N, C-alpha and C. Protein backbone atom coordinates (compact mmCIF):
# COMPACT_ATOMS: atom_id res chain seq x y z
N LYS A 1 13.86 -6.74 -10.25
CA LYS A 1 14.00 -7.06 -8.84
C LYS A 1 14.63 -8.44 -8.67
N GLN A 2 15.58 -8.52 -7.79
CA GLN A 2 16.17 -9.81 -7.47
C GLN A 2 15.28 -10.54 -6.47
N ARG A 3 15.35 -11.83 -6.50
CA ARG A 3 14.63 -12.62 -5.50
C ARG A 3 15.27 -12.43 -4.14
N TYR A 4 14.48 -12.51 -3.11
CA TYR A 4 14.96 -12.29 -1.75
C TYR A 4 16.12 -13.22 -1.42
N GLN A 5 15.99 -14.50 -1.72
CA GLN A 5 17.02 -15.48 -1.34
C GLN A 5 18.37 -15.18 -1.99
N ARG A 6 18.35 -14.61 -3.18
CA ARG A 6 19.61 -14.28 -3.85
C ARG A 6 20.29 -13.08 -3.20
N ARG A 7 19.53 -12.26 -2.51
CA ARG A 7 20.09 -11.08 -1.87
C ARG A 7 20.65 -11.38 -0.49
N VAL A 8 20.30 -12.53 0.05
CA VAL A 8 20.74 -12.92 1.39
C VAL A 8 21.98 -13.80 1.25
N ARG A 9 23.05 -13.38 1.89
CA ARG A 9 24.30 -14.15 1.82
C ARG A 9 24.81 -14.40 3.23
N GLY A 10 24.97 -15.65 3.58
CA GLY A 10 25.52 -15.99 4.90
C GLY A 10 24.66 -15.46 6.02
N ASP A 11 25.10 -15.68 7.26
CA ASP A 11 24.34 -15.14 8.38
C ASP A 11 25.17 -14.18 9.23
N GLU A 12 26.29 -13.70 8.65
CA GLU A 12 27.01 -12.64 9.32
C GLU A 12 26.17 -11.37 9.21
N ASN A 13 26.34 -10.49 10.14
CA ASN A 13 25.55 -9.25 10.17
C ASN A 13 24.06 -9.53 10.21
N GLN A 14 23.67 -10.48 11.02
CA GLN A 14 22.25 -10.80 11.19
C GLN A 14 21.90 -10.71 12.66
N ALA A 15 20.73 -10.18 12.94
CA ALA A 15 20.20 -10.15 14.30
C ALA A 15 18.87 -10.88 14.31
N ASP A 16 18.58 -11.60 15.38
CA ASP A 16 17.35 -12.38 15.51
C ASP A 16 16.69 -12.08 16.85
N GLU A 17 15.37 -12.17 16.86
CA GLU A 17 14.62 -12.00 18.10
C GLU A 17 13.29 -12.72 17.94
N THR A 18 12.67 -13.08 19.05
CA THR A 18 11.38 -13.76 19.05
C THR A 18 10.40 -12.98 19.92
N TYR A 19 9.17 -12.84 19.44
CA TYR A 19 8.15 -12.07 20.14
C TYR A 19 6.81 -12.80 20.12
N SER A 20 5.98 -12.50 21.10
CA SER A 20 4.56 -12.85 21.08
C SER A 20 3.81 -11.54 20.83
N LEU A 21 2.97 -11.54 19.82
CA LEU A 21 2.21 -10.35 19.45
C LEU A 21 0.80 -10.50 20.02
N THR A 22 0.62 -10.14 21.27
CA THR A 22 -0.61 -10.43 22.00
C THR A 22 -1.81 -9.62 21.52
N THR A 23 -1.60 -8.50 20.84
CA THR A 23 -2.73 -7.69 20.37
C THR A 23 -3.17 -8.06 18.96
N VAL A 24 -2.44 -8.96 18.30
CA VAL A 24 -2.77 -9.37 16.94
C VAL A 24 -3.53 -10.69 17.01
N LYS A 25 -4.58 -10.81 16.21
CA LYS A 25 -5.47 -11.97 16.31
C LYS A 25 -5.35 -12.99 15.18
N SER A 26 -4.47 -12.72 14.19
CA SER A 26 -4.34 -13.66 13.07
C SER A 26 -2.99 -13.48 12.40
N VAL A 27 -2.60 -14.48 11.63
CA VAL A 27 -1.36 -14.39 10.85
C VAL A 27 -1.48 -13.27 9.82
N ALA A 28 -2.62 -13.19 9.14
CA ALA A 28 -2.82 -12.14 8.13
C ALA A 28 -2.75 -10.75 8.77
N GLY A 29 -3.30 -10.62 9.96
CA GLY A 29 -3.23 -9.34 10.68
C GLY A 29 -1.81 -8.97 11.04
N ALA A 30 -1.02 -9.96 11.45
CA ALA A 30 0.39 -9.71 11.79
C ALA A 30 1.16 -9.26 10.55
N VAL A 31 0.93 -9.92 9.42
CA VAL A 31 1.63 -9.56 8.18
C VAL A 31 1.31 -8.11 7.81
N GLU A 32 0.05 -7.75 7.84
CA GLU A 32 -0.36 -6.39 7.49
C GLU A 32 0.29 -5.36 8.43
N GLN A 33 0.26 -5.63 9.72
CA GLN A 33 0.83 -4.69 10.68
C GLN A 33 2.35 -4.57 10.53
N LEU A 34 3.03 -5.67 10.28
CA LEU A 34 4.49 -5.62 10.11
C LEU A 34 4.89 -4.85 8.86
N ILE A 35 4.17 -5.04 7.77
CA ILE A 35 4.47 -4.28 6.55
C ILE A 35 4.30 -2.79 6.81
N ASN A 36 3.21 -2.42 7.46
CA ASN A 36 2.97 -1.01 7.77
C ASN A 36 4.00 -0.46 8.76
N PHE A 37 4.35 -1.24 9.77
CA PHE A 37 5.28 -0.79 10.79
C PHE A 37 6.67 -0.51 10.20
N PHE A 38 7.19 -1.44 9.42
CA PHE A 38 8.54 -1.29 8.88
C PHE A 38 8.58 -0.40 7.63
N GLY A 39 7.46 -0.28 6.90
CA GLY A 39 7.45 0.54 5.70
C GLY A 39 8.36 0.00 4.61
N MET A 40 8.50 -1.32 4.57
CA MET A 40 9.37 -1.97 3.59
C MET A 40 8.50 -2.73 2.59
N GLN A 41 9.11 -3.09 1.46
CA GLN A 41 8.39 -3.79 0.40
C GLN A 41 8.40 -5.30 0.64
N PRO A 42 7.24 -5.94 0.56
CA PRO A 42 7.21 -7.41 0.63
C PRO A 42 7.88 -8.00 -0.60
N CYS A 43 8.55 -9.12 -0.43
CA CYS A 43 9.23 -9.83 -1.52
C CYS A 43 8.50 -11.13 -1.82
N GLU A 44 8.59 -11.52 -3.08
CA GLU A 44 8.09 -12.82 -3.52
C GLU A 44 6.64 -13.09 -3.12
N ARG A 45 5.85 -12.03 -3.17
CA ARG A 45 4.40 -12.11 -2.86
C ARG A 45 4.14 -12.63 -1.45
N SER A 46 5.07 -12.42 -0.56
CA SER A 46 4.90 -12.94 0.81
C SER A 46 3.87 -12.16 1.62
N GLU A 47 3.34 -11.06 1.06
CA GLU A 47 2.28 -10.32 1.75
C GLU A 47 0.92 -11.01 1.61
N ARG A 48 0.83 -11.99 0.73
CA ARG A 48 -0.43 -12.70 0.50
C ARG A 48 -0.56 -13.86 1.49
N VAL A 49 -1.61 -13.79 2.29
CA VAL A 49 -1.85 -14.82 3.31
C VAL A 49 -3.33 -15.19 3.28
N ALA A 50 -3.61 -16.47 3.20
CA ALA A 50 -5.00 -16.94 3.32
C ALA A 50 -5.45 -16.71 4.76
N GLU A 51 -6.69 -16.29 4.93
CA GLU A 51 -7.20 -15.94 6.27
C GLU A 51 -7.11 -17.09 7.26
N ASP A 52 -7.19 -18.34 6.80
CA ASP A 52 -7.19 -19.48 7.72
C ASP A 52 -5.80 -20.07 8.00
N LYS A 53 -4.74 -19.45 7.46
CA LYS A 53 -3.39 -19.98 7.67
C LYS A 53 -2.96 -19.78 9.12
N THR A 54 -2.24 -20.77 9.63
CA THR A 54 -1.73 -20.67 11.01
C THR A 54 -0.22 -20.45 11.05
N ALA A 55 0.44 -20.44 9.89
CA ALA A 55 1.88 -20.17 9.83
C ALA A 55 2.21 -19.51 8.49
N HIS A 56 3.20 -18.63 8.52
CA HIS A 56 3.55 -17.90 7.30
C HIS A 56 4.94 -17.30 7.45
N THR A 57 5.64 -17.12 6.34
CA THR A 57 6.92 -16.42 6.32
C THR A 57 6.76 -15.14 5.50
N LEU A 58 7.07 -14.01 6.12
CA LEU A 58 7.02 -12.71 5.47
C LEU A 58 8.44 -12.25 5.19
N LEU A 59 8.70 -11.86 3.95
CA LEU A 59 10.01 -11.38 3.52
C LEU A 59 9.88 -9.91 3.14
N LEU A 60 10.71 -9.05 3.71
CA LEU A 60 10.67 -7.62 3.44
C LEU A 60 12.04 -7.12 3.01
N ALA A 61 12.05 -6.14 2.12
CA ALA A 61 13.30 -5.52 1.69
C ALA A 61 13.09 -4.01 1.63
N GLY A 62 14.13 -3.29 2.00
CA GLY A 62 14.05 -1.84 1.95
C GLY A 62 15.43 -1.24 2.06
N GLN A 63 15.44 0.07 2.15
CA GLN A 63 16.70 0.78 2.25
C GLN A 63 16.60 1.77 3.39
N HIS A 64 17.59 1.73 4.27
CA HIS A 64 17.65 2.67 5.39
C HIS A 64 17.96 4.06 4.86
N LYS A 65 17.68 5.10 5.63
CA LYS A 65 17.89 6.46 5.16
C LYS A 65 19.34 6.76 4.79
N ASP A 66 20.29 5.96 5.33
CA ASP A 66 21.70 6.17 4.98
C ASP A 66 22.12 5.36 3.75
N GLY A 67 21.15 4.73 3.08
CA GLY A 67 21.43 4.01 1.84
C GLY A 67 21.76 2.54 2.00
N VAL A 68 21.76 2.02 3.22
CA VAL A 68 22.08 0.62 3.47
C VAL A 68 20.84 -0.23 3.16
N GLU A 69 21.01 -1.26 2.32
CA GLU A 69 19.93 -2.18 2.02
C GLU A 69 19.66 -3.06 3.24
N CYS A 70 18.38 -3.22 3.58
CA CYS A 70 17.96 -4.02 4.75
C CYS A 70 17.02 -5.13 4.28
N LEU A 71 17.17 -6.29 4.86
CA LEU A 71 16.29 -7.42 4.60
C LEU A 71 15.74 -7.93 5.92
N ILE A 72 14.44 -8.20 5.96
CA ILE A 72 13.81 -8.74 7.16
C ILE A 72 13.05 -10.01 6.77
N LYS A 73 13.23 -11.03 7.58
CA LYS A 73 12.48 -12.28 7.42
C LYS A 73 11.77 -12.54 8.73
N THR A 74 10.46 -12.76 8.65
CA THR A 74 9.69 -13.09 9.85
C THR A 74 8.99 -14.42 9.64
N ARG A 75 9.03 -15.24 10.64
CA ARG A 75 8.28 -16.50 10.66
C ARG A 75 7.19 -16.31 11.68
N ILE A 76 5.95 -16.33 11.22
CA ILE A 76 4.79 -16.03 12.06
C ILE A 76 3.98 -17.30 12.24
N VAL A 77 3.64 -17.62 13.48
CA VAL A 77 2.86 -18.81 13.79
C VAL A 77 1.74 -18.42 14.75
N PHE A 78 0.52 -18.91 14.48
CA PHE A 78 -0.62 -18.67 15.36
C PHE A 78 -1.01 -19.98 16.04
N ASP A 79 -0.95 -19.98 17.36
CA ASP A 79 -1.40 -21.14 18.15
C ASP A 79 -2.17 -20.65 19.37
N GLY A 80 -3.17 -19.82 19.11
CA GLY A 80 -3.92 -19.17 20.17
C GLY A 80 -3.43 -17.75 20.40
N VAL A 81 -2.17 -17.53 20.15
CA VAL A 81 -1.54 -16.20 20.15
C VAL A 81 -0.55 -16.18 18.99
N VAL A 82 -0.29 -14.99 18.45
CA VAL A 82 0.64 -14.88 17.34
C VAL A 82 2.06 -14.79 17.87
N ASN A 83 2.90 -15.73 17.47
CA ASN A 83 4.32 -15.72 17.82
C ASN A 83 5.12 -15.46 16.56
N MET A 84 6.24 -14.76 16.71
CA MET A 84 7.01 -14.37 15.55
C MET A 84 8.50 -14.43 15.85
N LYS A 85 9.25 -14.98 14.92
CA LYS A 85 10.71 -14.89 14.94
C LYS A 85 11.08 -13.92 13.83
N ILE A 86 11.86 -12.91 14.17
CA ILE A 86 12.28 -11.92 13.20
C ILE A 86 13.79 -11.95 13.05
N SER A 87 14.25 -11.88 11.81
CA SER A 87 15.68 -11.81 11.50
C SER A 87 15.89 -10.61 10.59
N ALA A 88 16.91 -9.81 10.88
CA ALA A 88 17.25 -8.65 10.05
C ALA A 88 18.69 -8.78 9.59
N ARG A 89 18.90 -8.45 8.33
CA ARG A 89 20.24 -8.50 7.75
C ARG A 89 20.53 -7.21 6.99
N SER A 90 21.73 -6.72 7.16
CA SER A 90 22.24 -5.60 6.38
C SER A 90 23.75 -5.59 6.61
N GLN A 91 24.42 -4.62 6.02
CA GLN A 91 25.85 -4.51 6.24
C GLN A 91 26.16 -3.79 7.55
N ASN A 92 25.13 -3.33 8.25
CA ASN A 92 25.31 -2.58 9.48
C ASN A 92 24.74 -3.37 10.66
N PRO A 93 25.58 -3.99 11.49
CA PRO A 93 25.09 -4.77 12.63
C PRO A 93 24.24 -3.97 13.60
N ASP A 94 24.55 -2.69 13.79
CA ASP A 94 23.74 -1.86 14.69
C ASP A 94 22.34 -1.65 14.14
N LEU A 95 22.22 -1.49 12.83
CA LEU A 95 20.90 -1.36 12.20
C LEU A 95 20.11 -2.63 12.36
N ASN A 96 20.74 -3.79 12.21
CA ASN A 96 20.06 -5.07 12.40
C ASN A 96 19.49 -5.17 13.80
N ASP A 97 20.30 -4.82 14.80
CA ASP A 97 19.83 -4.86 16.19
C ASP A 97 18.66 -3.90 16.40
N LEU A 98 18.74 -2.72 15.82
CA LEU A 98 17.67 -1.73 15.94
C LEU A 98 16.38 -2.27 15.33
N LEU A 99 16.46 -2.87 14.15
CA LEU A 99 15.26 -3.37 13.47
C LEU A 99 14.58 -4.47 14.29
N VAL A 100 15.33 -5.43 14.79
CA VAL A 100 14.69 -6.54 15.51
C VAL A 100 14.20 -6.12 16.90
N SER A 101 14.77 -5.08 17.46
CA SER A 101 14.34 -4.64 18.79
C SER A 101 13.26 -3.59 18.75
N SER A 102 12.86 -3.15 17.56
CA SER A 102 11.88 -2.06 17.44
C SER A 102 10.44 -2.52 17.60
N ILE A 103 10.20 -3.80 17.65
CA ILE A 103 8.83 -4.33 17.77
C ILE A 103 8.24 -3.99 19.12
């Protein structure tokens, strides 16, 4: 397996969005739900979160059904509510938009 950072090149074909996850009560809970929601593999052990952490970066990698490799990076911060910035990258700009808008 390649490291996530080596698989990410430039910021072309990237989509970004920011959300507040009002039903999630912790950073660890957000990480678990995002992994399950996207069905992608965590990279670089980013699925591991200490229960008391208030900020975390989750890295996910997977392959779309049409064979396109997809990478997702989420920056999750808890300050009374869970806020998240999500970035998706692949060779397909429409897929990137779909991934970040699916939350």
